[in-house]
Amino acid sequence: MIVVTGATGNIGRTLMPLLAERGGDVVAVSRRPQPDGLPVGVRQAQADVGNSASMRSVLNGADSFFLLLGGELNGHGESPNALIDTALEAGVKRIVLLSSQINSTRPEAPSHARLRDFEAAVRACGADYTILRPGGFSSNAFAWAEPIRAKRTVFAPFGDVALPVVDPADIAAVAAAALSEEGHAGRTYELTGPEAISPRRQADVISQALGEDIAFVELSRDQAHAHMAQFMPEEVIDGTLDVLGLPLPTEQAISTDVEDVLGRPPRPFSEWVARNLPAFR
């Protein structure tokens, strides 16, 4: 049995059918009742990954556990050991943790201290583990959907700074392999797309896919900070802007890990846009 947290998010929605295709029992964990559109072969369990007691019965008898912290759980909550110990007591033998590239490129970043604590707990727990460290997601472009629909305009800072954003579908595919195949224990995978692409170029790709002109308006750092403050904790904003505007060479580098695991190159940003074009119409 494989237990998947974050089942309703960008990665979980893609991961569950991939696991179901491989056979076996897949359990999708969510805090709300039955999510829509669960694939055949996947059953739902209502629990809160931030409350280890609520996860106990869900994890009972599981072989593998996909651990994704969402929202506020990235900043605070129970000790990581509470959840990891609960998983081990329930019989889990393999844990795949979704972490972040920042934990390798900026290991002192305060915004990711809790994820580093989870990494340390997973590494020390004695179970087989795999840690996934993706860079920025292609799906961050969803933030542009409303202004594109309303004004045919993208507003973003650092218009010409390129980063190799990764398709969440590739993250899910690597996670599926790590959860259900041998050969991934003790590995940490850095996951990127196949090319570094700037926000301005991303807007061009969306424009070409729509067949309509999309304007690009470059925000100042202060303007971007004010916008992010509407939905992002203050302690995370400056670190995020540093990565977007002043990336380290390692943050602009292309990793081979997606191709090494999947036997194919990572998907380009244009492929993500093609799958998600209705969001921008």
Protein backbone atom coordinates (compact mmCIF):
# COMPACT_ATOMS: atom_id res chain seq x y z
CA MET A 1 0.00 0.00 0.00
CA ILE A 2 1.19 3.50 -0.89
CA VAL A 3 -0.07 6.52 1.05
CA VAL A 4 0.02 9.87 -0.77
CA THR A 5 -0.27 13.20 1.05
CA GLY A 6 -0.94 16.40 -0.87
CA ALA A 7 -3.31 14.35 -3.00
CA THR A 8 -5.32 17.33 -4.27
CA GLY A 9 -2.33 19.47 -5.32
CA ASN A 10 -0.39 19.89 -8.57
CA ILE A 11 1.84 16.89 -7.90
CA GLY A 12 -0.62 14.62 -6.08
CA ARG A 13 -3.29 14.80 -8.79
CA THR A 14 -0.76 13.51 -11.32
CA LEU A 15 0.99 11.08 -8.99
CA MET A 16 -2.10 9.09 -8.02
CA PRO A 17 -3.02 7.82 -11.53
CA LEU A 18 0.64 6.99 -12.18
CA LEU A 19 0.69 4.81 -9.09
CA ALA A 20 -2.73 3.30 -9.86
CA GLU A 21 -1.46 2.24 -13.30
CA ARG A 22 1.31 0.31 -11.60
CA GLY A 23 -1.22 -1.67 -9.56
CA GLY A 24 -1.49 -2.08 -5.82
CA ASP A 25 -3.41 -0.16 -3.19
CA VAL A 26 -3.11 3.64 -3.30
CA VAL A 27 -4.52 5.87 -0.55
CA ALA A 28 -5.02 9.58 -1.20
CA VAL A 29 -4.89 11.67 1.98
CA SER A 30 -6.77 14.96 2.17
CA ARG A 31 -8.15 17.12 4.96
CA ARG A 32 -11.53 17.48 3.31
CA PRO A 33 -14.01 14.75 2.31
CA GLN A 34 -13.71 12.77 -0.89
CA PRO A 35 -11.90 14.88 -3.53
CA ASP A 36 -13.31 14.92 -7.04
CA GLY A 37 -11.88 12.81 -9.82
CA LEU A 38 -9.95 10.12 -7.96
CA PRO A 39 -8.69 7.54 -10.45
CA VAL A 40 -9.87 3.95 -10.39
CA GLY A 41 -7.87 1.99 -7.84
CA VAL A 42 -7.31 4.94 -5.50
CA ARG A 43 -9.23 5.30 -2.27
CA GLN A 44 -9.46 8.40 -0.13
CA ALA A 45 -8.67 8.84 3.55
CA GLN A 46 -9.51 12.00 5.46
CA ALA A 47 -6.63 13.00 7.73
CA ASP A 48 -4.27 15.89 8.42
CA VAL A 49 -0.58 15.34 7.68
CA GLY A 50 0.10 18.02 10.30
CA ASN A 51 -1.51 15.85 12.98
CA SER A 52 0.39 12.59 13.37
CA ALA A 53 -2.36 11.06 15.51
CA SER A 54 -4.85 11.46 12.65
CA MET A 55 -2.40 9.76 10.27
CA ARG A 56 -1.91 6.67 12.41
CA SER A 57 -4.82 4.61 11.07
CA VAL A 58 -4.19 5.81 7.49
CA LEU A 59 -0.59 4.65 7.55
CA ASN A 60 -1.31 1.33 9.23
CA GLY A 61 -0.06 -1.41 6.91
CA ALA A 62 1.44 0.97 4.33
CA ASP A 63 4.68 0.02 2.62
CA SER A 64 5.48 3.42 1.08
CA PHE A 65 4.68 7.00 2.07
CA PHE A 66 4.83 10.14 -0.09
CA LEU A 67 5.29 13.08 2.24
CA LEU A 68 4.39 16.55 1.02
CA LEU A 69 4.03 19.44 3.43
CA GLY A 70 1.64 22.12 2.26
CA GLY A 71 0.99 25.73 3.18
CA GLU A 72 1.52 26.57 6.80
CA LEU A 73 3.09 23.18 7.56
CA ASN A 74 6.23 24.37 5.76
CA GLY A 75 6.66 26.94 8.53
CA HIS A 76 5.57 25.36 11.79
CA GLY A 77 3.87 22.38 13.39
CA GLU A 78 4.70 19.16 15.20
CA SER A 79 8.21 17.84 15.38
CA PRO A 80 9.04 15.96 12.16
CA ASN A 81 9.84 12.95 14.30
CA ALA A 82 6.21 12.71 15.44
CA LEU A 83 5.02 11.92 11.92
CA ILE A 84 8.05 9.87 10.92
CA ASP A 85 7.81 7.73 14.06
CA THR A 86 4.10 7.20 13.44
CA ALA A 87 4.88 6.01 9.92
CA LEU A 88 7.54 3.59 11.10
CA GLU A 89 5.29 2.21 13.85
CA ALA A 90 2.61 1.64 11.21
CA GLY A 91 5.00 -0.47 9.14
CA VAL A 92 6.17 2.00 6.49
CA LYS A 93 9.44 0.90 4.93
CA ARG A 94 9.93 3.56 2.25
CA ILE A 95 9.49 7.35 2.50
CA VAL A 96 9.69 9.81 -0.39
CA LEU A 97 9.89 13.42 0.82
CA LEU A 98 9.18 16.42 -1.37
CA SER A 99 11.71 19.06 -0.33
CA SER A 100 13.21 21.99 -2.26
CA GLN A 101 16.31 22.78 -4.29
CA ILE A 102 16.94 25.69 -1.91
CA ASN A 103 18.04 23.22 0.74
CA SER A 104 21.09 22.44 -1.37
CA THR A 105 21.73 25.85 -2.93
CA ARG A 106 20.97 28.02 0.13
CA PRO A 107 21.28 25.67 3.12
CA GLU A 108 20.94 28.47 5.68
CA ALA A 109 17.75 29.98 4.23
CA PRO A 110 15.36 30.54 7.18
CA SER A 111 12.31 30.02 4.94
CA HIS A 112 13.19 26.32 4.49
CA ALA A 113 14.43 25.43 7.97
CA ARG A 114 11.45 23.17 8.65
CA LEU A 115 11.94 21.26 5.40
CA ARG A 116 15.58 20.78 6.39
CA ASP A 117 14.40 19.36 9.72
CA PHE A 118 12.17 16.91 7.84
CA GLU A 119 15.05 15.94 5.58
CA ALA A 120 17.22 15.23 8.62
CA ALA A 121 14.48 13.19 10.31
CA VAL A 122 13.87 11.13 7.17
CA ARG A 123 17.57 10.46 6.64
CA ALA A 124 17.99 9.30 10.24
CA CYS A 125 14.84 7.19 10.58
CA GLY A 126 16.25 3.89 9.31
CA ALA A 127 13.69 3.37 6.53
CA ASP A 128 14.55 3.52 2.85
CA TYR A 129 14.16 7.12 1.76
CA THR A 130 14.34 9.32 -1.32
CA ILE A 131 14.39 13.12 -1.17
CA LEU A 132 13.13 15.17 -4.11
CA ARG A 133 14.47 18.71 -4.43
CA PRO A 134 12.73 20.49 -7.30
CA GLY A 135 13.48 24.01 -8.41
CA GLY A 136 10.72 26.47 -9.34
CA PHE A 137 7.55 24.94 -10.77
CA SER A 138 6.22 25.62 -14.26
CA SER A 139 2.81 25.79 -12.60
CA ASN A 140 3.79 29.02 -10.82
CA ALA A 141 2.64 30.60 -14.07
CA PHE A 142 -0.94 29.94 -12.93
CA ALA A 143 -0.47 33.18 -10.96
CA TRP A 144 -0.63 34.98 -14.30
CA ALA A 145 -3.87 33.33 -15.41
CA GLU A 146 -6.29 36.00 -14.20
CA PRO A 147 -4.38 39.04 -15.59
CA ILE A 148 -3.88 37.19 -18.88
CA ARG A 149 -7.58 36.42 -19.13
CA ALA A 150 -8.63 39.93 -18.07
CA LYS A 151 -5.91 42.15 -19.57
CA ARG A 152 -3.78 39.92 -21.80
CA THR A 153 -0.85 41.04 -19.65
CA VAL A 154 1.75 39.35 -17.45
CA PHE A 155 3.06 41.29 -14.45
CA ALA A 156 6.31 39.86 -13.02
CA PRO A 157 9.70 40.95 -11.68
CA PHE A 158 13.11 40.15 -13.15
CA GLY A 159 11.77 39.68 -16.66
CA ASP A 160 15.00 38.47 -18.24
CA VAL A 161 16.38 36.27 -15.44
CA ALA A 162 16.12 32.65 -16.57
CA LEU A 163 15.59 29.60 -14.34
CA PRO A 164 15.03 25.95 -15.36
CA VAL A 165 11.46 25.58 -14.06
CA VAL A 166 10.24 21.99 -13.71
CA ASP A 167 6.89 20.54 -14.73
CA PRO A 168 5.03 19.14 -11.68
CA ALA A 169 4.14 16.14 -13.84
CA ASP A 170 7.84 15.26 -13.98
CA ILE A 171 8.11 15.57 -10.21
CA ALA A 172 5.15 13.20 -9.90
CA ALA A 173 6.71 10.72 -12.33
CA VAL A 174 9.99 10.66 -10.39
CA ALA A 175 8.04 10.26 -7.14
CA ALA A 176 6.09 7.32 -8.62
CA ALA A 177 9.35 5.62 -9.55
CA ALA A 178 10.88 6.20 -6.12
CA LEU A 179 7.76 4.92 -4.35
CA SER A 180 7.36 1.73 -6.35
CA GLU A 181 10.74 0.73 -7.78
CA GLU A 182 14.02 -0.45 -6.34
CA GLY A 183 17.22 1.53 -6.76
CA HIS A 184 16.23 4.89 -5.30
CA ALA A 185 16.95 4.34 -1.61
CA GLY A 186 19.27 6.91 -0.08
CA ARG A 187 19.13 9.13 -3.16
CA THR A 188 18.50 12.88 -3.31
CA TYR A 189 17.26 14.06 -6.70
CA GLU A 190 17.55 17.66 -7.91
CA LEU A 191 14.69 18.16 -10.36
CA THR A 192 14.71 20.88 -13.04
CA GLY A 193 13.31 21.46 -16.48
CA PRO A 194 15.36 21.04 -19.67
CA GLU A 195 16.23 24.72 -20.14
CA ALA A 196 16.46 27.96 -18.23
CA ILE A 197 13.58 30.20 -19.27
CA SER A 198 12.87 33.79 -18.22
CA PRO A 199 9.46 35.18 -17.22
CA ARG A 200 9.41 37.27 -20.40
CA ARG A 201 10.06 34.18 -22.50
CA GLN A 202 7.39 32.23 -20.58
CA ALA A 203 4.90 34.98 -21.44
CA ASP A 204 5.93 34.64 -25.10
CA VAL A 205 5.29 30.89 -24.98
CA ILE A 206 1.80 31.46 -23.55
CA SER A 207 1.16 34.14 -26.17
CA GLN A 208 2.14 31.79 -29.00
CA ALA A 209 -0.02 29.00 -27.62
CA LEU A 210 -3.03 31.32 -27.34
CA GLY A 211 -2.40 32.88 -30.73
CA GLU A 212 -2.80 36.32 -29.17
CA ASP A 213 -0.43 39.07 -28.08
CA ILE A 214 0.44 39.06 -24.38
CA ALA A 215 2.07 42.18 -22.94
CA PHE A 216 4.81 41.88 -20.33
CA VAL A 217 5.07 44.46 -17.56
CA GLU A 218 8.17 44.17 -15.39
CA LEU A 219 7.58 44.84 -11.70
CA SER A 220 10.23 46.36 -9.46
CA ARG A 221 11.42 44.29 -6.53
CA ASP A 222 9.40 46.51 -4.17
CA GLN A 223 6.26 46.07 -6.26
CA ALA A 224 6.77 42.31 -6.35
CA HIS A 225 7.32 42.27 -2.57
CA ALA A 226 4.06 44.14 -1.99
CA HIS A 227 2.18 41.71 -4.22
CA MET A 228 3.67 38.60 -2.57
CA ALA A 229 2.87 39.97 0.89
CA GLN A 230 -0.81 39.42 0.10
CA PHE A 231 -0.43 35.63 0.17
CA MET A 232 3.10 34.72 1.34
CA PRO A 233 4.69 34.86 4.81
CA GLU A 234 7.04 37.81 5.19
CA GLU A 235 10.00 35.59 6.11
CA VAL A 236 9.70 33.79 2.77
CA ILE A 237 9.37 36.77 0.44
CA ASP A 238 12.94 38.13 0.39
CA GLY A 239 14.44 34.68 -0.09
CA THR A 240 12.08 33.99 -2.97
CA LEU A 241 12.92 37.30 -4.62
CA ASP A 242 16.65 36.59 -4.19
CA VAL A 243 16.26 33.31 -6.10
CA LEU A 244 14.15 34.93 -8.82
CA GLY A 245 16.32 38.00 -9.23
CA LEU A 246 19.81 36.95 -8.13
CA PRO A 247 19.97 33.20 -8.73
CA LEU A 248 23.13 31.32 -7.95
CA PRO A 249 24.81 29.42 -10.80
CA THR A 250 23.62 26.17 -9.24
CA GLU A 251 20.04 27.44 -9.37
CA GLN A 252 20.33 28.12 -13.11
CA ALA A 253 22.01 24.79 -13.87
CA ILE A 254 20.16 21.97 -15.65
CA SER A 255 20.02 18.73 -13.65
CA THR A 256 20.07 15.34 -15.36
CA ASP A 257 18.16 13.61 -12.55
CA VAL A 258 14.73 13.60 -14.25
CA GLU A 259 16.20 11.94 -17.33
CA ASP A 260 18.34 9.58 -15.26
CA VAL A 261 15.26 8.31 -13.38
CA LEU A 262 12.67 8.36 -16.18
CA GLY A 263 14.82 7.57 -19.21
CA ARG A 264 13.55 10.65 -21.06
CA PRO A 265 14.26 14.38 -20.94
CA PRO A 266 12.19 16.59 -18.66
CA ARG A 267 9.18 18.30 -20.21
CA PRO A 268 9.72 21.87 -21.49
CA PHE A 269 7.61 24.80 -20.28
CA SER A 270 5.77 24.82 -23.61
CA GLU A 271 4.40 21.34 -22.93
CA TRP A 272 3.08 22.43 -19.54
CA VAL A 273 1.39 25.42 -21.22
CA ALA A 274 -0.20 23.22 -23.89
CA ARG A 275 -1.77 20.97 -21.21
CA ASN A 276 -3.03 23.91 -19.17
CA LEU A 277 -3.98 26.40 -21.87
CA PRO A 278 -7.67 26.64 -20.85
CA ALA A 279 -6.59 28.40 -17.64
CA PHE A 280 -5.32 31.33 -19.72
CA ARG A 281 -8.14 31.71 -22.26
